[in-house]
All heavy atoms as atom14 arrays in JSON, in Angstrom:
{
  "sequence": "ISAASDGSPFILITLKDPSDVRGPEIKMNNPSMVTFSSINDMMKNFGN",
  "atom14_mask": [
    [1, 1, 1, 1, 1, 1, 1, 1, 0, 0, 0, 0, 0, 0],
    [1, 1, 1, 1, 1, 1, 0, 0, 0, 0, 0, 0, 0, 0],
    [1, 1, 1, 1, 1, 0, 0, 0, 0, 0, 0, 0, 0, 0],
    [1, 1, 1, 1, 1, 0, 0, 0, 0, 0, 0, 0, 0, 0],
    [1, 1, 1, 1, 1, 1, 0, 0, 0, 0, 0, 0, 0, 0],
    [1, 1, 1, 1, 1, 1, 1, 1, 0, 0, 0, 0, 0, 0],
    [1, 1, 1, 1, 0, 0, 0, 0, 0, 0, 0, 0, 0, 0],
    [1, 1, 1, 1, 1, 1, 0, 0, 0, 0, 0, 0, 0, 0],
    [1, 1, 1, 1, 1, 1, 1, 0, 0, 0, 0, 0, 0, 0],
    [1, 1, 1, 1, 1, 1, 1, 1, 1, 1, 1, 0, 0, 0],
    [1, 1, 1, 1, 1, 1, 1, 1, 0, 0, 0, 0, 0, 0],
    [1, 1, 1, 1, 1, 1, 1, 1, 0, 0, 0, 0, 0, 0],
    [1, 1, 1, 1, 1, 1, 1, 1, 0, 0, 0, 0, 0, 0],
    [1, 1, 1, 1, 1, 1, 1, 0, 0, 0, 0, 0, 0, 0],
    [1, 1, 1, 1, 1, 1, 1, 1, 0, 0, 0, 0, 0, 0],
    [1, 1, 1, 1, 1, 1, 1, 1, 1, 0, 0, 0, 0, 0],
    [1, 1, 1, 1, 1, 1, 1, 1, 0, 0, 0, 0, 0, 0],
    [1, 1, 1, 1, 1, 1, 1, 0, 0, 0, 0, 0, 0, 0],
    [1, 1, 1, 1, 1, 1, 0, 0, 0, 0, 0, 0, 0, 0],
    [1, 1, 1, 1, 1, 1, 1, 1, 0, 0, 0, 0, 0, 0],
    [1, 1, 1, 1, 1, 1, 1, 0, 0, 0, 0, 0, 0, 0],
    [1, 1, 1, 1, 1, 1, 1, 1, 1, 1, 1, 0, 0, 0],
    [1, 1, 1, 1, 0, 0, 0, 0, 0, 0, 0, 0, 0, 0],
    [1, 1, 1, 1, 1, 1, 1, 0, 0, 0, 0, 0, 0, 0],
    [1, 1, 1, 1, 1, 1, 1, 1, 1, 0, 0, 0, 0, 0],
    [1, 1, 1, 1, 1, 1, 1, 1, 0, 0, 0, 0, 0, 0],
    [1, 1, 1, 1, 1, 1, 1, 1, 1, 0, 0, 0, 0, 0],
    [1, 1, 1, 1, 1, 1, 1, 1, 0, 0, 0, 0, 0, 0],
    [1, 1, 1, 1, 1, 1, 1, 1, 0, 0, 0, 0, 0, 0],
    [1, 1, 1, 1, 1, 1, 1, 1, 0, 0, 0, 0, 0, 0],
    [1, 1, 1, 1, 1, 1, 1, 0, 0, 0, 0, 0, 0, 0],
    [1, 1, 1, 1, 1, 1, 0, 0, 0, 0, 0, 0, 0, 0],
    [1, 1, 1, 1, 1, 1, 1, 1, 0, 0, 0, 0, 0, 0],
    [1, 1, 1, 1, 1, 1, 1, 0, 0, 0, 0, 0, 0, 0],
    [1, 1, 1, 1, 1, 1, 1, 0, 0, 0, 0, 0, 0, 0],
    [1, 1, 1, 1, 1, 1, 1, 1, 1, 1, 1, 0, 0, 0],
    [1, 1, 1, 1, 1, 1, 0, 0, 0, 0, 0, 0, 0, 0],
    [1, 1, 1, 1, 1, 1, 0, 0, 0, 0, 0, 0, 0, 0],
    [1, 1, 1, 1, 1, 1, 1, 1, 0, 0, 0, 0, 0, 0],
    [1, 1, 1, 1, 1, 1, 1, 1, 0, 0, 0, 0, 0, 0],
    [1, 1, 1, 1, 1, 1, 1, 1, 0, 0, 0, 0, 0, 0],
    [1, 1, 1, 1, 1, 1, 1, 1, 0, 0, 0, 0, 0, 0],
    [1, 1, 1, 1, 1, 1, 1, 1, 0, 0, 0, 0, 0, 0],
    [1, 1, 1, 1, 1, 1, 1, 1, 1, 0, 0, 0, 0, 0],
    [1, 1, 1, 1, 1, 1, 1, 1, 0, 0, 0, 0, 0, 0],
    [1, 1, 1, 1, 1, 1, 1, 1, 1, 1, 1, 0, 0, 0],
    [1, 1, 1, 1, 0, 0, 0, 0, 0, 0, 0, 0, 0, 0],
    [1, 1, 1, 1, 1, 1, 1, 1, 0, 0, 0, 0, 0, 0]
  ],
  "atom14_positions": [
    [[76.16, 113.5, 92.22], [76.2, 112.13, 91.71], [76.13, 112.27, 90.19], [75.22, 112.9, 89.65], [75.02, 111.28, 92.21], [75.09, 111.18, 93.75], [75.02, 109.9, 91.56], [73.88, 110.52, 94.38], [0.0, 0.0, 0.0], [0.0, 0.0, 0.0], [0.0, 0.0, 0.0], [0.0, 0.0, 0.0], [0.0, 0.0, 0.0], [0.0, 0.0, 0.0]],
    [[77.11, 111.67, 89.5], [77.13, 111.8, 88.03], [77.66, 110.52, 87.39], [78.33, 109.72, 88.03], [77.99, 112.99, 87.61], [79.32, 112.84, 88.08], [0.0, 0.0, 0.0], [0.0, 0.0, 0.0], [0.0, 0.0, 0.0], [0.0, 0.0, 0.0], [0.0, 0.0, 0.0], [0.0, 0.0, 0.0], [0.0, 0.0, 0.0], [0.0, 0.0, 0.0]],
    [[77.35, 110.37, 86.13], [77.84, 109.23, 85.36], [79.28, 109.52, 84.95], [79.69, 110.67, 84.79], [76.97, 109.02, 84.12], [0.0, 0.0, 0.0], [0.0, 0.0, 0.0], [0.0, 0.0, 0.0], [0.0, 0.0, 0.0], [0.0, 0.0, 0.0], [0.0, 0.0, 0.0], [0.0, 0.0, 0.0], [0.0, 0.0, 0.0], [0.0, 0.0, 0.0]],
    [[80.06, 108.47, 84.75], [81.43, 108.63, 84.28], [81.43, 109.26, 82.91], [80.62, 108.91, 82.05], [82.13, 107.29, 84.26], [0.0, 0.0, 0.0], [0.0, 0.0, 0.0], [0.0, 0.0, 0.0], [0.0, 0.0, 0.0], [0.0, 0.0, 0.0], [0.0, 0.0, 0.0], [0.0, 0.0, 0.0], [0.0, 0.0, 0.0], [0.0, 0.0, 0.0]],
    [[82.31, 110.22, 82.69], [82.33, 110.97, 81.43], [82.81, 110.15, 80.24], [82.55, 110.5, 79.1], [83.18, 112.22, 81.57], [84.51, 111.87, 81.9], [0.0, 0.0, 0.0], [0.0, 0.0, 0.0], [0.0, 0.0, 0.0], [0.0, 0.0, 0.0], [0.0, 0.0, 0.0], [0.0, 0.0, 0.0], [0.0, 0.0, 0.0], [0.0, 0.0, 0.0]],
    [[83.49, 109.03, 80.5], [84.01, 108.22, 79.41], [83.0, 107.17, 78.92], [83.31, 106.36, 78.06], [85.31, 107.55, 79.81], [85.16, 106.6, 80.99], [84.03, 106.45, 81.52], [86.17, 105.99, 81.39], [0.0, 0.0, 0.0], [0.0, 0.0, 0.0], [0.0, 0.0, 0.0], [0.0, 0.0, 0.0], [0.0, 0.0, 0.0], [0.0, 0.0, 0.0]],
    [[81.78, 107.18, 79.46], [80.75, 106.26, 79.0], [80.82, 104.89, 79.67], [80.01, 104.01, 79.36], [0.0, 0.0, 0.0], [0.0, 0.0, 0.0], [0.0, 0.0, 0.0], [0.0, 0.0, 0.0], [0.0, 0.0, 0.0], [0.0, 0.0, 0.0], [0.0, 0.0, 0.0], [0.0, 0.0, 0.0], [0.0, 0.0, 0.0], [0.0, 0.0, 0.0]],
    [[81.76, 104.69, 80.58], [81.87, 103.4, 81.26], [80.73, 103.27, 82.29], [80.15, 104.27, 82.7], [83.23, 103.28, 81.95], [83.4, 104.32, 82.89], [0.0, 0.0, 0.0], [0.0, 0.0, 0.0], [0.0, 0.0, 0.0], [0.0, 0.0, 0.0], [0.0, 0.0, 0.0], [0.0, 0.0, 0.0], [0.0, 0.0, 0.0], [0.0, 0.0, 0.0]],
    [[80.43, 102.04, 82.71], [79.28, 101.83, 83.61], [79.6, 102.13, 85.07], [79.38, 101.32, 85.95], [78.96, 100.35, 83.4], [80.29, 99.74, 83.09], [81.03, 100.79, 82.29], [0.0, 0.0, 0.0], [0.0, 0.0, 0.0], [0.0, 0.0, 0.0], [0.0, 0.0, 0.0], [0.0, 0.0, 0.0], [0.0, 0.0, 0.0], [0.0, 0.0, 0.0]],
    [[80.16, 103.3, 85.33], [80.5, 103.7, 86.7], [79.79, 104.98, 87.05], [79.45, 105.8, 86.19], [82.01, 103.91, 86.84], [82.8, 102.63, 86.72], [83.45, 102.33, 85.55], [82.87, 101.74, 87.77], [84.18, 101.16, 85.41], [83.59, 100.57, 87.65], [84.25, 100.27, 86.48], [0.0, 0.0, 0.0], [0.0, 0.0, 0.0], [0.0, 0.0, 0.0]],
    [[79.59, 105.17, 88.35], [78.97, 106.38, 88.88], [80.02, 107.08, 89.74], [80.74, 106.44, 90.51], [77.73, 106.02, 89.76], [76.72, 105.24, 88.95], [77.13, 107.27, 90.37], [76.12, 105.99, 87.8], [0.0, 0.0, 0.0], [0.0, 0.0, 0.0], [0.0, 0.0, 0.0], [0.0, 0.0, 0.0], [0.0, 0.0, 0.0], [0.0, 0.0, 0.0]],
    [[80.11, 108.4, 89.61], [81.03, 109.2, 90.41], [80.22, 109.92, 91.48], [79.28, 110.64, 91.18], [81.78, 110.21, 89.54], [82.54, 109.6, 88.37], [83.17, 110.69, 87.54], [83.6, 108.63, 88.84], [0.0, 0.0, 0.0], [0.0, 0.0, 0.0], [0.0, 0.0, 0.0], [0.0, 0.0, 0.0], [0.0, 0.0, 0.0], [0.0, 0.0, 0.0]],
    [[80.61, 109.73, 92.72], [79.92, 110.36, 93.84], [80.89, 111.37, 94.47], [81.98, 111.01, 94.9], [79.49, 109.33, 94.88], [78.51, 108.35, 94.24], [78.85, 110.01, 96.09], [78.06, 107.24, 95.16], [0.0, 0.0, 0.0], [0.0, 0.0, 0.0], [0.0, 0.0, 0.0], [0.0, 0.0, 0.0], [0.0, 0.0, 0.0], [0.0, 0.0, 0.0]],
    [[80.49, 112.63, 94.5], [81.32, 113.69, 95.05], [80.95, 113.89, 96.5], [79.77, 114.06, 96.84], [81.12, 115.0, 94.28], [81.4, 114.76, 92.88], [82.04, 116.1, 94.78], [0.0, 0.0, 0.0], [0.0, 0.0, 0.0], [0.0, 0.0, 0.0], [0.0, 0.0, 0.0], [0.0, 0.0, 0.0], [0.0, 0.0, 0.0], [0.0, 0.0, 0.0]],
    [[81.95, 113.84, 97.38], [81.76, 113.96, 98.81], [82.51, 115.19, 99.34], [83.61, 115.49, 98.89], [82.33, 112.72, 99.52], [81.87, 111.36, 98.99], [82.68, 110.25, 99.63], [80.4, 111.17, 99.3], [0.0, 0.0, 0.0], [0.0, 0.0, 0.0], [0.0, 0.0, 0.0], [0.0, 0.0, 0.0], [0.0, 0.0, 0.0], [0.0, 0.0, 0.0]],
    [[81.87, 115.87, 100.29], [82.53, 116.99, 100.95], [82.37, 116.87, 102.45], [81.4, 116.25, 102.93], [81.94, 118.33, 100.51], [82.36, 118.73, 99.12], [82.04, 120.18, 98.86], [82.56, 120.58, 97.49], [82.32, 121.98, 97.25], [0.0, 0.0, 0.0], [0.0, 0.0, 0.0], [0.0, 0.0, 0.0], [0.0, 0.0, 0.0], [0.0, 0.0, 0.0]],
    [[83.29, 117.43, 103.18], [83.23, 117.47, 104.62], [81.97, 118.26, 105.03], [81.68, 119.29, 104.43], [84.49, 118.16, 105.16], [84.6, 118.03, 106.65], [84.02, 118.91, 107.35], [85.25, 117.1, 107.14], [0.0, 0.0, 0.0], [0.0, 0.0, 0.0], [0.0, 0.0, 0.0], [0.0, 0.0, 0.0], [0.0, 0.0, 0.0], [0.0, 0.0, 0.0]],
    [[81.23, 117.78, 106.03], [79.99, 118.5, 106.42], [80.23, 119.97, 106.78], [79.36, 120.81, 106.55], [79.5, 117.73, 107.65], [80.09, 116.37, 107.49], [81.41, 116.57, 106.79], [0.0, 0.0, 0.0], [0.0, 0.0, 0.0], [0.0, 0.0, 0.0], [0.0, 0.0, 0.0], [0.0, 0.0, 0.0], [0.0, 0.0, 0.0], [0.0, 0.0, 0.0]],
    [[81.41, 120.31, 107.3], [81.68, 121.71, 107.65], [81.89, 122.59, 106.41], [81.82, 123.81, 106.5], [82.91, 121.81, 108.55], [84.06, 121.34, 107.87], [0.0, 0.0, 0.0], [0.0, 0.0, 0.0], [0.0, 0.0, 0.0], [0.0, 0.0, 0.0], [0.0, 0.0, 0.0], [0.0, 0.0, 0.0], [0.0, 0.0, 0.0], [0.0, 0.0, 0.0]],
    [[82.14, 121.98, 105.26], [82.35, 122.72, 104.02], [81.05, 122.93, 103.23], [81.03, 123.67, 102.26], [83.34, 122.01, 103.1], [84.73, 122.0, 103.68], [85.02, 122.87, 104.52], [85.52, 121.1, 103.31], [0.0, 0.0, 0.0], [0.0, 0.0, 0.0], [0.0, 0.0, 0.0], [0.0, 0.0, 0.0], [0.0, 0.0, 0.0], [0.0, 0.0, 0.0]],
    [[79.97, 122.26, 103.65], [78.71, 122.37, 102.93], [77.89, 123.46, 103.59], [77.53, 123.37, 104.75], [77.94, 121.02, 102.94], [76.61, 121.15, 102.22], [78.79, 119.93, 102.32], [0.0, 0.0, 0.0], [0.0, 0.0, 0.0], [0.0, 0.0, 0.0], [0.0, 0.0, 0.0], [0.0, 0.0, 0.0], [0.0, 0.0, 0.0], [0.0, 0.0, 0.0]],
    [[77.61, 124.52, 102.83], [76.92, 125.68, 103.39], [75.5, 125.83, 102.9], [74.87, 126.83, 103.17], [77.7, 126.94, 103.03], [79.05, 126.98, 103.64], [79.79, 128.21, 103.21], [81.2, 128.04, 103.42], [82.05, 127.57, 102.54], [81.64, 127.19, 101.36], [83.33, 127.44, 102.82], [0.0, 0.0, 0.0], [0.0, 0.0, 0.0], [0.0, 0.0, 0.0]],
    [[74.99, 124.92, 102.17], [73.63, 125.05, 101.61], [73.65, 124.6, 100.17], [74.6, 123.97, 99.72], [0.0, 0.0, 0.0], [0.0, 0.0, 0.0], [0.0, 0.0, 0.0], [0.0, 0.0, 0.0], [0.0, 0.0, 0.0], [0.0, 0.0, 0.0], [0.0, 0.0, 0.0], [0.0, 0.0, 0.0], [0.0, 0.0, 0.0], [0.0, 0.0, 0.0]],
    [[72.62, 124.95, 99.38], [72.59, 124.52, 97.99], [73.77, 125.11, 97.23], [74.08, 126.28, 97.34], [71.27, 125.13, 97.46], [70.52, 125.55, 98.65], [71.46, 125.71, 99.78], [0.0, 0.0, 0.0], [0.0, 0.0, 0.0], [0.0, 0.0, 0.0], [0.0, 0.0, 0.0], [0.0, 0.0, 0.0], [0.0, 0.0, 0.0], [0.0, 0.0, 0.0]],
    [[74.44, 124.23, 96.5], [75.59, 124.68, 95.71], [75.13, 125.34, 94.43], [74.2, 124.88, 93.78], [76.49, 123.48, 95.36], [77.53, 123.24, 96.39], [78.55, 122.24, 95.91], [79.06, 122.37, 94.81], [78.82, 121.32, 96.68], [0.0, 0.0, 0.0], [0.0, 0.0, 0.0], [0.0, 0.0, 0.0], [0.0, 0.0, 0.0], [0.0, 0.0, 0.0]],
    [[75.83, 126.39, 94.06], [75.55, 127.07, 92.8], [76.73, 126.81, 91.88], [77.86, 127.17, 92.2], [75.36, 128.58, 93.03], [74.19, 128.81, 93.96], [75.17, 129.3, 91.7], [74.03, 130.24, 94.43], [0.0, 0.0, 0.0], [0.0, 0.0, 0.0], [0.0, 0.0, 0.0], [0.0, 0.0, 0.0], [0.0, 0.0, 0.0], [0.0, 0.0, 0.0]],
    [[76.46, 126.16, 90.77], [77.52, 125.91, 89.82], [77.69, 127.13, 88.92], [76.72, 127.68, 88.41], [77.19, 124.7, 88.95], [77.29, 123.41, 89.71], [77.21, 122.26, 88.75], [77.39, 120.98, 89.51], [77.47, 119.84, 88.65], [0.0, 0.0, 0.0], [0.0, 0.0, 0.0], [0.0, 0.0, 0.0], [0.0, 0.0, 0.0], [0.0, 0.0, 0.0]],
    [[78.92, 127.53, 88.74], [79.21, 128.66, 87.87], [79.71, 128.15, 86.53], [80.78, 127.58, 86.44], [80.29, 129.56, 88.51], [79.81, 130.23, 89.77], [81.08, 131.26, 90.52], [81.47, 132.37, 89.21], [0.0, 0.0, 0.0], [0.0, 0.0, 0.0], [0.0, 0.0, 0.0], [0.0, 0.0, 0.0], [0.0, 0.0, 0.0], [0.0, 0.0, 0.0]],
    [[78.9, 128.34, 85.5], [79.3, 127.91, 84.17], [80.33, 128.86, 83.59], [81.19, 128.46, 82.83], [78.09, 127.84, 83.25], [77.17, 126.72, 83.66], [77.59, 125.75, 84.26], [75.89, 126.85, 83.35], [0.0, 0.0, 0.0], [0.0, 0.0, 0.0], [0.0, 0.0, 0.0], [0.0, 0.0, 0.0], [0.0, 0.0, 0.0], [0.0, 0.0, 0.0]],
    [[80.22, 130.14, 83.94], [81.15, 131.14, 83.45], [81.9, 131.72, 84.63], [81.39, 132.64, 85.29], [80.41, 132.25, 82.7], [79.7, 131.73, 81.49], [80.18, 130.82, 80.84], [78.54, 132.29, 81.19], [0.0, 0.0, 0.0], [0.0, 0.0, 0.0], [0.0, 0.0, 0.0], [0.0, 0.0, 0.0], [0.0, 0.0, 0.0], [0.0, 0.0, 0.0]],
    [[83.11, 131.22, 84.93], [83.82, 131.75, 86.07], [84.12, 133.24, 85.86], [84.28, 133.7, 84.74], [85.09, 130.94, 86.12], [85.18, 130.22, 84.84], [83.82, 130.2, 84.23], [0.0, 0.0, 0.0], [0.0, 0.0, 0.0], [0.0, 0.0, 0.0], [0.0, 0.0, 0.0], [0.0, 0.0, 0.0], [0.0, 0.0, 0.0], [0.0, 0.0, 0.0]],
    [[84.15, 133.98, 86.97], [84.39, 135.42, 86.85], [85.81, 135.7, 86.39], [86.74, 134.98, 86.7], [84.12, 136.09, 88.18], [84.97, 135.56, 89.18], [0.0, 0.0, 0.0], [0.0, 0.0, 0.0], [0.0, 0.0, 0.0], [0.0, 0.0, 0.0], [0.0, 0.0, 0.0], [0.0, 0.0, 0.0], [0.0, 0.0, 0.0], [0.0, 0.0, 0.0]],
    [[85.95, 136.79, 85.66], [87.25, 137.2, 85.14], [87.76, 138.36, 85.97], [86.99, 139.22, 86.39], [87.13, 137.63, 83.68], [88.46, 138.01, 83.07], [88.31, 138.67, 81.39], [87.58, 137.31, 80.54], [0.0, 0.0, 0.0], [0.0, 0.0, 0.0], [0.0, 0.0, 0.0], [0.0, 0.0, 0.0], [0.0, 0.0, 0.0], [0.0, 0.0, 0.0]],
    [[89.03, 138.36, 86.24], [89.64, 139.44, 87.0], [90.61, 140.16, 86.09], [91.41, 139.53, 85.38], [90.39, 138.87, 88.23], [91.06, 139.98, 89.01], [89.45, 138.07, 89.1], [0.0, 0.0, 0.0], [0.0, 0.0, 0.0], [0.0, 0.0, 0.0], [0.0, 0.0, 0.0], [0.0, 0.0, 0.0], [0.0, 0.0, 0.0], [0.0, 0.0, 0.0]],
    [[90.53, 141.47, 86.07], [91.45, 142.27, 85.23], [92.36, 143.09, 86.13], [91.98, 143.5, 87.22], [90.66, 143.2, 84.3], [89.84, 144.07, 85.09], [89.81, 142.43, 83.33], [0.0, 0.0, 0.0], [0.0, 0.0, 0.0], [0.0, 0.0, 0.0], [0.0, 0.0, 0.0], [0.0, 0.0, 0.0], [0.0, 0.0, 0.0], [0.0, 0.0, 0.0]],
    [[93.56, 143.29, 85.64], [94.57, 144.09, 86.35], [95.04, 145.22, 85.45], [95.15, 145.04, 84.24], [95.75, 143.21, 86.76], [95.37, 142.07, 87.66], [95.26, 140.78, 87.15], [95.1, 142.28, 88.99], [94.92, 139.73, 87.96], [94.73, 141.22, 89.82], [94.65, 139.94, 89.31], [0.0, 0.0, 0.0], [0.0, 0.0, 0.0], [0.0, 0.0, 0.0]],
    [[95.35, 146.36, 86.06], [95.79, 147.5, 85.28], [97.32, 147.51, 85.08], [97.82, 148.17, 84.17], [95.36, 148.83, 85.94], [95.87, 148.89, 87.25], [0.0, 0.0, 0.0], [0.0, 0.0, 0.0], [0.0, 0.0, 0.0], [0.0, 0.0, 0.0], [0.0, 0.0, 0.0], [0.0, 0.0, 0.0], [0.0, 0.0, 0.0], [0.0, 0.0, 0.0]],
    [[98.04, 146.76, 85.89], [99.5, 146.71, 85.75], [100.03, 145.42, 86.34], [99.31, 144.7, 87.06], [100.16, 147.89, 86.46], [99.99, 147.77, 87.85], [0.0, 0.0, 0.0], [0.0, 0.0, 0.0], [0.0, 0.0, 0.0], [0.0, 0.0, 0.0], [0.0, 0.0, 0.0], [0.0, 0.0, 0.0], [0.0, 0.0, 0.0], [0.0, 0.0, 0.0]],
    [[101.28, 145.13, 86.06], [101.92, 143.94, 86.62], [101.98, 144.04, 88.13], [101.75, 143.08, 88.85], [103.34, 143.75, 86.02], [103.25, 143.44, 84.53], [104.1, 142.67, 86.76], [102.66, 142.1, 84.21], [0.0, 0.0, 0.0], [0.0, 0.0, 0.0], [0.0, 0.0, 0.0], [0.0, 0.0, 0.0], [0.0, 0.0, 0.0], [0.0, 0.0, 0.0]],
    [[102.31, 145.24, 88.64], [102.38, 145.43, 90.09], [101.01, 145.16, 90.74], [100.93, 144.56, 91.8], [102.84, 146.84, 90.43], [104.31, 147.04, 90.12], [105.07, 146.07, 90.04], [104.71, 148.29, 89.92], [0.0, 0.0, 0.0], [0.0, 0.0, 0.0], [0.0, 0.0, 0.0], [0.0, 0.0, 0.0], [0.0, 0.0, 0.0], [0.0, 0.0, 0.0]],
    [[99.95, 145.64, 90.1], [98.58, 145.42, 90.59], [98.27, 143.92, 90.63], [97.69, 143.41, 91.59], [97.6, 146.16, 89.71], [96.19, 146.11, 90.24], [96.02, 146.07, 91.47], [95.23, 146.13, 89.41], [0.0, 0.0, 0.0], [0.0, 0.0, 0.0], [0.0, 0.0, 0.0], [0.0, 0.0, 0.0], [0.0, 0.0, 0.0], [0.0, 0.0, 0.0]],
    [[98.68, 143.22, 89.58], [98.44, 141.78, 89.51], [99.19, 141.05, 90.63], [98.63, 140.21, 91.32], [98.89, 141.23, 88.16], [98.65, 139.73, 88.04], [99.2, 139.04, 86.49], [100.96, 138.92, 86.8], [0.0, 0.0, 0.0], [0.0, 0.0, 0.0], [0.0, 0.0, 0.0], [0.0, 0.0, 0.0], [0.0, 0.0, 0.0], [0.0, 0.0, 0.0]],
    [[100.46, 141.38, 90.82], [101.24, 140.7, 91.84], [100.72, 141.0, 93.24], [100.72, 140.13, 94.11], [102.73, 141.09, 91.73], [103.37, 140.66, 90.42], [103.18, 138.91, 90.06], [104.25, 138.19, 91.27], [0.0, 0.0, 0.0], [0.0, 0.0, 0.0], [0.0, 0.0, 0.0], [0.0, 0.0, 0.0], [0.0, 0.0, 0.0], [0.0, 0.0, 0.0]],
    [[100.25, 142.22, 93.46], [99.76, 142.62, 94.76], [98.44, 141.9, 95.11], [98.2, 141.53, 96.25], [99.56, 144.13, 94.78], [99.14, 144.67, 96.14], [99.2, 146.19, 96.22], [98.55, 146.86, 95.08], [98.41, 148.31, 95.25], [0.0, 0.0, 0.0], [0.0, 0.0, 0.0], [0.0, 0.0, 0.0], [0.0, 0.0, 0.0], [0.0, 0.0, 0.0]],
    [[97.58, 141.66, 94.12], [96.27, 141.08, 94.35], [96.14, 139.6, 94.0], [95.07, 139.03, 94.15], [95.21, 141.88, 93.58], [95.09, 143.28, 94.11], [94.97, 143.47, 95.31], [95.15, 144.26, 93.23], [0.0, 0.0, 0.0], [0.0, 0.0, 0.0], [0.0, 0.0, 0.0], [0.0, 0.0, 0.0], [0.0, 0.0, 0.0], [0.0, 0.0, 0.0]],
    [[97.21, 139.0, 93.53], [97.15, 137.6, 93.1], [96.74, 136.67, 94.25], [95.95, 135.77, 94.07], [98.47, 137.15, 92.5], [98.42, 135.75, 91.96], [97.73, 135.48, 90.8], [99.03, 134.7, 92.62], [97.66, 134.19, 90.28], [98.96, 133.41, 92.13], [98.28, 133.15, 90.96], [0.0, 0.0, 0.0], [0.0, 0.0, 0.0], [0.0, 0.0, 0.0]],
    [[97.27, 136.9, 95.43], [96.95, 136.07, 96.59], [95.47, 136.11, 96.93], [94.87, 135.07, 97.23], [0.0, 0.0, 0.0], [0.0, 0.0, 0.0], [0.0, 0.0, 0.0], [0.0, 0.0, 0.0], [0.0, 0.0, 0.0], [0.0, 0.0, 0.0], [0.0, 0.0, 0.0], [0.0, 0.0, 0.0], [0.0, 0.0, 0.0], [0.0, 0.0, 0.0]],
    [[94.86, 137.29, 96.85], [93.42, 137.42, 97.13], [92.6, 136.68, 96.1], [91.62, 136.01, 96.45], [93.01, 138.89, 97.14], [93.59, 139.64, 98.32], [93.92, 139.03, 99.32], [93.69, 140.95, 98.19], [0.0, 0.0, 0.0], [0.0, 0.0, 0.0], [0.0, 0.0, 0.0], [0.0, 0.0, 0.0], [0.0, 0.0, 0.0], [0.0, 0.0, 0.0]]
  ]
}
C-alpha cells in the first residue's frame, strides 16, 4: 500500500494472486548484475 508518487490524494494498492505470494517479500534495491564473457554466452543464457 503506497501513496501516489505524483502527490495526488490517491492510494495505490498492489494485489497479487494468492498462489504467487510465498511469504514476506524482500525488495531488492540493487538488482543483481549478470556478466557474459562473449556474445554466444549471452545469447545462450539470455532465456535463463
